Amino acid sequence: MIYKVLYQESELDNPRRESTKSIYVDANSSIEVRQAVENNTDYHIEFIQELDEEHLEYEQKSPDYKLTEF
């Protein structure tokens, strides 16, 4: 399953919509995604969303779409 992770680059900054970024991770559960991101980055996770087929198709059309591997 592919998950979209919305995050801020630093835990020290106040979250702002304008500075929210996203990565896409392939994992079996959102728990695995959270653990992988927390263990491998300093990102402050805002939200983890499981993408269904239609949403994934839409996201893949974006030039910013890239699957992140940890």
PDB file of N, CA and C in Angstrom:
ATOM      1  N   MET A   1       0.842  -1.164   0.000  1.00  0.00           N
ATOM      2  CA  MET A   1       0.000   0.000   0.000  1.00  0.00           C
ATOM      3  C   MET A   1       0.899   1.242   0.000  1.00  0.00           C
ATOM      4  N   ILE A   2       0.467   2.267  -0.719  1.00  0.00           N
ATOM      5  CA  ILE A   2       1.204   3.521  -0.769  1.00  0.00           C
ATOM      6  C   ILE A   2       0.555   4.516   0.184  1.00  0.00           C
ATOM      7  N   TYR A   3       1.400   5.188   0.951  1.00  0.00           N
ATOM      8  CA  TYR A   3       0.942   6.190   1.905  1.00  0.00           C
ATOM      9  C   TYR A   3       1.555   7.542   1.557  1.00  0.00           C
ATOM     10  N   LYS A   4       0.765   8.583   1.734  1.00  0.00           N
ATOM     11  CA  LYS A   4       1.242   9.956   1.563  1.00  0.00           C
ATOM     12  C   LYS A   4       1.468  10.519   2.955  1.00  0.00           C
ATOM     13  N   VAL A   5       2.678  11.024   3.186  1.00  0.00           N
ATOM     14  CA  VAL A   5       3.038  11.576   4.485  1.00  0.00           C
ATOM     15  C   VAL A   5       3.209  13.076   4.336  1.00  0.00           C
ATOM     16  N   LEU A   6       2.406  13.832   5.061  1.00  0.00           N
ATOM     17  CA  LEU A   6       2.538  15.285   5.097  1.00  0.00           C
ATOM     18  C   LEU A   6       3.388  15.630   6.308  1.00  0.00           C
ATOM     19  N   TYR A   7       4.379  16.500   6.089  1.00  0.00           N
ATOM     20  CA  TYR A   7       5.322  16.774   7.179  1.00  0.00           C
ATOM     21  C   TYR A   7       5.897  18.178   7.096  1.00  0.00           C
ATOM     22  N   GLN A   8       6.501  18.594   8.206  1.00  0.00           N
ATOM     23  CA  GLN A   8       7.318  19.799   8.282  1.00  0.00           C
ATOM     24  C   GLN A   8       8.751  19.312   8.401  1.00  0.00           C
ATOM     25  N   GLU A   9       9.695  20.033   7.823  1.00  0.00           N
ATOM     26  CA  GLU A   9      11.079  19.575   7.833  1.00  0.00           C
ATOM     27  C   GLU A   9      11.716  19.601   9.214  1.00  0.00           C
ATOM     28  N   SER A  10      11.246  20.435  10.110  1.00  0.00           N
ATOM     29  CA  SER A  10      11.838  20.529  11.435  1.00  0.00           C
ATOM     30  C   SER A  10      10.762  20.482  12.508  1.00  0.00           C
ATOM     31  N   GLU A  11      11.050  19.779  13.573  1.00  0.00           N
ATOM     32  CA  GLU A  11      10.114  19.735  14.702  1.00  0.00           C
ATOM     33  C   GLU A  11      10.109  21.047  15.476  1.00  0.00           C
ATOM     34  N   LEU A  12      11.119  21.871  15.270  1.00  0.00           N
ATOM     35  CA  LEU A  12      11.239  23.122  16.010  1.00  0.00           C
ATOM     36  C   LEU A  12      10.394  24.240  15.421  1.00  0.00           C
ATOM     37  N   ASP A  13      10.049  24.140  14.128  1.00  0.00           N
ATOM     38  CA  ASP A  13       9.248  25.170  13.480  1.00  0.00           C
ATOM     39  C   ASP A  13       7.774  24.955  13.756  1.00  0.00           C
ATOM     40  N   ASN A  14       7.036  26.078  13.833  1.00  0.00           N
ATOM     41  CA  ASN A  14       5.592  25.970  13.958  1.00  0.00           C
ATOM     42  C   ASN A  14       5.019  25.492  12.625  1.00  0.00           C
ATOM     43  N   PRO A  15       4.095  24.527  12.653  1.00  0.00           N
ATOM     44  CA  PRO A  15       3.513  24.032  11.403  1.00  0.00           C
ATOM     45  C   PRO A  15       2.751  25.138  10.675  1.00  0.00           C
ATOM     46  N   ARG A  16       3.013  25.241   9.371  1.00  0.00           N
ATOM     47  CA  ARG A  16       2.299  26.178   8.514  1.00  0.00           C
ATOM     48  C   ARG A  16       1.982  25.462   7.218  1.00  0.00           C
ATOM     49  N   ARG A  17       0.804  25.694   6.705  1.00  0.00           N
ATOM     50  CA  ARG A  17       0.380  25.051   5.462  1.00  0.00           C
ATOM     51  C   ARG A  17       1.365  25.323   4.331  1.00  0.00           C
ATOM     52  N   GLU A  18       1.885  26.537   4.276  1.00  0.00           N
ATOM     53  CA  GLU A  18       2.777  26.927   3.190  1.00  0.00           C
ATOM     54  C   GLU A  18       4.088  26.145   3.194  1.00  0.00           C
ATOM     55  N   SER A  19       4.489  25.649   4.343  1.00  0.00           N
ATOM     56  CA  SER A  19       5.760  24.927   4.415  1.00  0.00           C
ATOM     57  C   SER A  19       5.577  23.410   4.553  1.00  0.00           C
ATOM     58  N   THR A  20       4.347  22.944   4.437  1.00  0.00           N
ATOM     59  CA  THR A  20       4.085  21.508   4.494  1.00  0.00           C
ATOM     60  C   THR A  20       4.557  20.848   3.210  1.00  0.00           C
ATOM     61  N   LYS A  21       5.266  19.735   3.362  1.00  0.00           N
ATOM     62  CA  LYS A  21       5.765  18.971   2.223  1.00  0.00           C
ATOM     63  C   LYS A  21       5.215  17.559   2.310  1.00  0.00           C
ATOM     64  N   SER A  22       5.420  16.783   1.250  1.00  0.00           N
ATOM     65  CA  SER A  22       4.905  15.413   1.276  1.00  0.00           C
ATOM     66  C   SER A  22       5.911  14.451   0.662  1.00  0.00           C
ATOM     67  N   ILE A  23       5.848  13.221   1.166  1.00  0.00           N
ATOM     68  CA  ILE A  23       6.593  12.116   0.586  1.00  0.00           C
ATOM     69  C   ILE A  23       5.625  10.939   0.457  1.00  0.00           C
ATOM     70  N   TYR A  24       5.984   9.995  -0.385  1.00  0.00           N
ATOM     71  CA  TYR A  24       5.163   8.812  -0.612  1.00  0.00           C
ATOM     72  C   TYR A  24       5.981   7.595  -0.223  1.00  0.00           C
ATOM     73  N   VAL A  25       5.365   6.711   0.584  1.00  0.00           N
ATOM     74  CA  VAL A  25       6.076   5.558   1.124  1.00  0.00           C
ATOM     75  C   VAL A  25       5.240   4.298   0.895  1.00  0.00           C
ATOM     76  N   ASP A  26       5.907   3.236   0.476  1.00  0.00           N
ATOM     77  CA  ASP A  26       5.259   1.936   0.304  1.00  0.00           C
ATOM     78  C   ASP A  26       5.489   1.130   1.579  1.00  0.00           C
ATOM     79  N   ALA A  27       4.402   0.725   2.242  1.00  0.00           N
ATOM     80  CA  ALA A  27       4.508  -0.036   3.493  1.00  0.00           C
ATOM     81  C   ALA A  27       3.233  -0.837   3.707  1.00  0.00           C
ATOM     82  N   ASN A  28       3.276  -1.706   4.700  1.00  0.00           N
ATOM     83  CA  ASN A  28       2.106  -2.536   5.021  1.00  0.00           C
ATOM     84  C   ASN A  28       1.095  -1.842   5.915  1.00  0.00           C
ATOM     85  N   SER A  29       1.537  -0.818   6.652  1.00  0.00           N
ATOM     86  CA  SER A  29       0.624  -0.111   7.551  1.00  0.00           C
ATOM     87  C   SER A  29       1.138   1.294   7.826  1.00  0.00           C
ATOM     88  N   SER A  30       0.258   2.129   8.330  1.00  0.00           N
ATOM     89  CA  SER A  30       0.659   3.497   8.670  1.00  0.00           C
ATOM     90  C   SER A  30       1.641   3.493   9.849  1.00  0.00           C
ATOM     91  N   ILE A  31       1.573   2.463  10.682  1.00  0.00           N
ATOM     92  CA  ILE A  31       2.506   2.343  11.804  1.00  0.00           C
ATOM     93  C   ILE A  31       3.921   2.145  11.275  1.00  0.00           C
ATOM     94  N   GLU A  32       4.071   1.285  10.278  1.00  0.00           N
ATOM     95  CA  GLU A  32       5.386   1.072   9.655  1.00  0.00           C
ATOM     96  C   GLU A  32       5.903   2.360   9.023  1.00  0.00           C
ATOM     97  N   VAL A  33       5.000   3.100   8.383  1.00  0.00           N
ATOM     98  CA  VAL A  33       5.391   4.362   7.754  1.00  0.00           C
ATOM     99  C   VAL A  33       5.907   5.325   8.810  1.00  0.00           C
ATOM    100  N   ARG A  34       5.146   5.491   9.886  1.00  0.00           N
ATOM    101  CA  ARG A  34       5.541   6.424  10.952  1.00  0.00           C
ATOM    102  C   ARG A  34       6.904   6.034  11.530  1.00  0.00           C
ATOM    103  N   GLN A  35       7.098   4.757  11.806  1.00  0.00           N
ATOM    104  CA  GLN A  35       8.372   4.301  12.370  1.00  0.00           C
ATOM    105  C   GLN A  35       9.528   4.561  11.410  1.00  0.00           C
ATOM    106  N   ALA A  36       9.328   4.293  10.119  1.00  0.00           N
ATOM    107  CA  ALA A  36      10.388   4.500   9.137  1.00  0.00           C
ATOM    108  C   ALA A  36      10.758   5.972   9.022  1.00  0.00           C
ATOM    109  N   VAL A  37       9.752   6.836   8.962  1.00  0.00           N
ATOM    110  CA  VAL A  37      10.023   8.270   8.839  1.00  0.00           C
ATOM    111  C   VAL A  37      10.693   8.791  10.109  1.00  0.00           C
ATOM    112  N   GLU A  38      10.185   8.402  11.268  1.00  0.00           N
ATOM    113  CA  GLU A  38      10.766   8.883  12.528  1.00  0.00           C
ATOM    114  C   GLU A  38      12.194   8.370  12.736  1.00  0.00           C
ATOM    115  N   ASN A  39      12.478   7.159  12.305  1.00  0.00           N
ATOM    116  CA  ASN A  39      13.820   6.580  12.488  1.00  0.00           C
ATOM    117  C   ASN A  39      14.846   7.103  11.495  1.00  0.00           C
ATOM    118  N   ASN A  40      14.395   7.605  10.348  1.00  0.00           N
ATOM    119  CA  ASN A  40      15.323   7.987   9.291  1.00  0.00           C
ATOM    120  C   ASN A  40      15.358   9.473   8.958  1.00  0.00           C
ATOM    121  N   THR A  41      14.512  10.267   9.591  1.00  0.00           N
ATOM    122  CA  THR A  41      14.483  11.702   9.299  1.00  0.00           C
ATOM    123  C   THR A  41      14.262  12.489  10.594  1.00  0.00           C
ATOM    124  N   ASP A  42      14.367  13.813  10.470  1.00  0.00           N
ATOM    125  CA  ASP A  42      14.019  14.710  11.573  1.00  0.00           C
ATOM    126  C   ASP A  42      12.682  15.387  11.318  1.00  0.00           C
ATOM    127  N   TYR A  43      11.899  14.848  10.399  1.00  0.00           N
ATOM    128  CA  TYR A  43      10.637  15.452  10.014  1.00  0.00           C
ATOM    129  C   TYR A  43       9.619  15.398  11.145  1.00  0.00           C
ATOM    130  N   HIS A  44       8.762  16.417  11.170  1.00  0.00           N
ATOM    131  CA  HIS A  44       7.624  16.450  12.082  1.00  0.00           C
ATOM    132  C   HIS A  44       6.400  16.024  11.261  1.00  0.00           C
ATOM    133  N   ILE A  45       5.908  14.823  11.501  1.00  0.00           N
ATOM    134  CA  ILE A  45       4.796  14.271  10.730  1.00  0.00           C
ATOM    135  C   ILE A  45       3.496  14.943  11.149  1.00  0.00           C
ATOM    136  N   GLU A  46       2.777  15.441  10.160  1.00  0.00           N
ATOM    137  CA  GLU A  46       1.465  16.050  10.412  1.00  0.00           C
ATOM    138  C   GLU A  46       0.338  15.053  10.188  1.00  0.00           C
ATOM    139  N   PHE A  47       0.474  14.267   9.097  1.00  0.00           N
ATOM    140  CA  PHE A  47      -0.633  13.388   8.721  1.00  0.00           C
ATOM    141  C   PHE A  47      -0.112  12.276   7.823  1.00  0.00           C
ATOM    142  N   ILE A  48      -0.650  11.081   7.986  1.00  0.00           N
ATOM    143  CA  ILE A  48      -0.328   9.950   7.114  1.00  0.00           C
ATOM    144  C   ILE A  48      -1.636   9.474   6.498  1.00  0.00           C
ATOM    145  N   GLN A  49      -1.667   9.451   5.165  1.00  0.00           N
ATOM    146  CA  GLN A  49      -2.888   9.095   4.454  1.00  0.00           C
ATOM    147  C   GLN A  49      -2.648   7.892   3.557  1.00  0.00           C
ATOM    148  N   GLU A  50      -3.482   6.880   3.716  1.00  0.00           N
ATOM    149  CA  GLU A  50      -3.427   5.722   2.829  1.00  0.00           C
ATOM    150  C   GLU A  50      -4.111   6.108   1.521  1.00  0.00           C
ATOM    151  N   LEU A  51      -3.439   5.867   0.392  1.00  0.00           N
ATOM    152  CA  LEU A  51      -3.985   6.262  -0.902  1.00  0.00           C
ATOM    153  C   LEU A  51      -4.707   5.098  -1.563  1.00  0.00           C
ATOM    154  N   ASP A  52      -5.966   5.331  -1.934  1.00  0.00           N
ATOM    155  CA  ASP A  52      -6.671   4.310  -2.710  1.00  0.00           C
ATOM    156  C   ASP A  52      -6.213   4.421  -4.169  1.00  0.00           C
ATOM    157  N   GLU A  53      -6.679   3.538  -5.027  1.00  0.00           N
ATOM    158  CA  GLU A  53      -6.201   3.478  -6.414  1.00  0.00           C
ATOM    159  C   GLU A  53      -6.417   4.786  -7.174  1.00  0.00           C
ATOM    160  N   GLU A  54      -7.604   5.370  -7.028  1.00  0.00           N
ATOM    161  CA  GLU A  54      -7.913   6.604  -7.757  1.00  0.00           C
ATOM    162  C   GLU A  54      -7.043   7.766  -7.284  1.00  0.00           C
ATOM    163  N   HIS A  55      -6.882   7.881  -5.988  1.00  0.00           N
ATOM    164  CA  HIS A  55      -6.067   8.964  -5.435  1.00  0.00           C
ATOM    165  C   HIS A  55      -4.598   8.774  -5.827  1.00  0.00           C
ATOM    166  N   LEU A  56      -4.132   7.545  -5.797  1.00  0.00           N
ATOM    167  CA  LEU A  56      -2.754   7.258  -6.191  1.00  0.00           C
ATOM    168  C   LEU A  56      -2.521   7.616  -7.655  1.00  0.00           C
ATOM    169  N   GLU A  57      -3.476   7.273  -8.512  1.00  0.00           N
ATOM    170  CA  GLU A  57      -3.377   7.633  -9.929  1.00  0.00           C
ATOM    171  C   GLU A  57      -3.236   9.140 -10.097  1.00  0.00           C
ATOM    172  N   TYR A  58      -4.039   9.877  -9.368  1.00  0.00           N
ATOM    173  CA  TYR A  58      -3.989  11.347  -9.420  1.00  0.00           C
ATOM    174  C   TYR A  58      -2.625  11.858  -8.952  1.00  0.00           C
ATOM    175  N   GLU A  59      -2.141  11.350  -7.831  1.00  0.00           N
ATOM    176  CA  GLU A  59      -0.858  11.790  -7.281  1.00  0.00           C
ATOM    177  C   GLU A  59       0.298  11.461  -8.233  1.00  0.00           C
ATOM    178  N   GLN A  60       0.227  10.338  -8.916  1.00  0.00           N
ATOM    179  CA  GLN A  60       1.293   9.918  -9.822  1.00  0.00           C
ATOM    180  C   GLN A  60       1.413  10.835 -11.038  1.00  0.00           C
ATOM    181  N   LYS A  61       0.388  11.581 -11.351  1.00  0.00           N
ATOM    182  CA  LYS A  61       0.423  12.531 -12.471  1.00  0.00           C
ATOM    183  C   LYS A  61       1.228  13.783 -12.122  1.00  0.00           C
ATOM    184  N   SER A  62       1.436  14.016 -10.849  1.00  0.00           N
ATOM    185  CA  SER A  62       2.189  15.191 -10.412  1.00  0.00           C
ATOM    186  C   SER A  62       3.676  15.005 -10.699  1.00  0.00           C
ATOM    187  N   PRO A  63       4.360  16.060 -11.154  1.00  0.00           N
ATOM    188  CA  PRO A  63       5.809  15.949 -11.387  1.00  0.00           C
ATOM    189  C   PRO A  63       6.598  15.762 -10.086  1.00  0.00           C
ATOM    190  N   ASP A  64       5.972  16.055  -8.952  1.00  0.00           N
ATOM    191  CA  ASP A  64       6.634  15.923  -7.650  1.00  0.00           C
ATOM    192  C   ASP A  64       6.513  14.522  -7.064  1.00  0.00           C
ATOM    193  N   TYR A  65       5.740  13.651  -7.714  1.00  0.00           N
ATOM    194  CA  TYR A  65       5.541  12.302  -7.174  1.00  0.00           C
ATOM    195  C   TYR A  65       6.825  11.489  -7.310  1.00  0.00           C
ATOM    196  N   LYS A  66       7.260  10.947  -6.175  1.00  0.00           N
ATOM    197  CA  LYS A  66       8.428  10.067  -6.157  1.00  0.00           C
ATOM    198  C   LYS A  66       8.302   9.181  -4.928  1.00  0.00           C
ATOM    199  N   LEU A  67       8.422   7.899  -5.116  1.00  0.00           N
ATOM    200  CA  LEU A  67       8.312   6.959  -4.009  1.00  0.00           C
ATOM    201  C   LEU A  67       9.599   6.986  -3.191  1.00  0.00           C
ATOM    202  N   THR A  68       9.472   7.215  -1.898  1.00  0.00           N
ATOM    203  CA  THR A  68      10.632   7.291  -1.002  1.00  0.00           C
ATOM    204  C   THR A  68      10.860   5.927  -0.360  1.00  0.00           C
ATOM    205  N   GLU A  69      12.105   5.500  -0.340  1.00  0.00           N
ATOM    206  CA  GLU A  69      12.461   4.224   0.288  1.00  0.00           C
ATOM    207  C   GLU A  69      13.407   4.476   1.462  1.00  0.00           C
ATOM    208  N   PHE A  70      13.152   3.765   2.530  1.00  0.00           N
ATOM    209  CA  PHE A  70      14.016   3.879   3.712  1.00  0.00           C
ATOM    210  C   PHE A  70      14.758   2.575   3.915  1.00  0.00           C
TER     211      PHE A  70
END
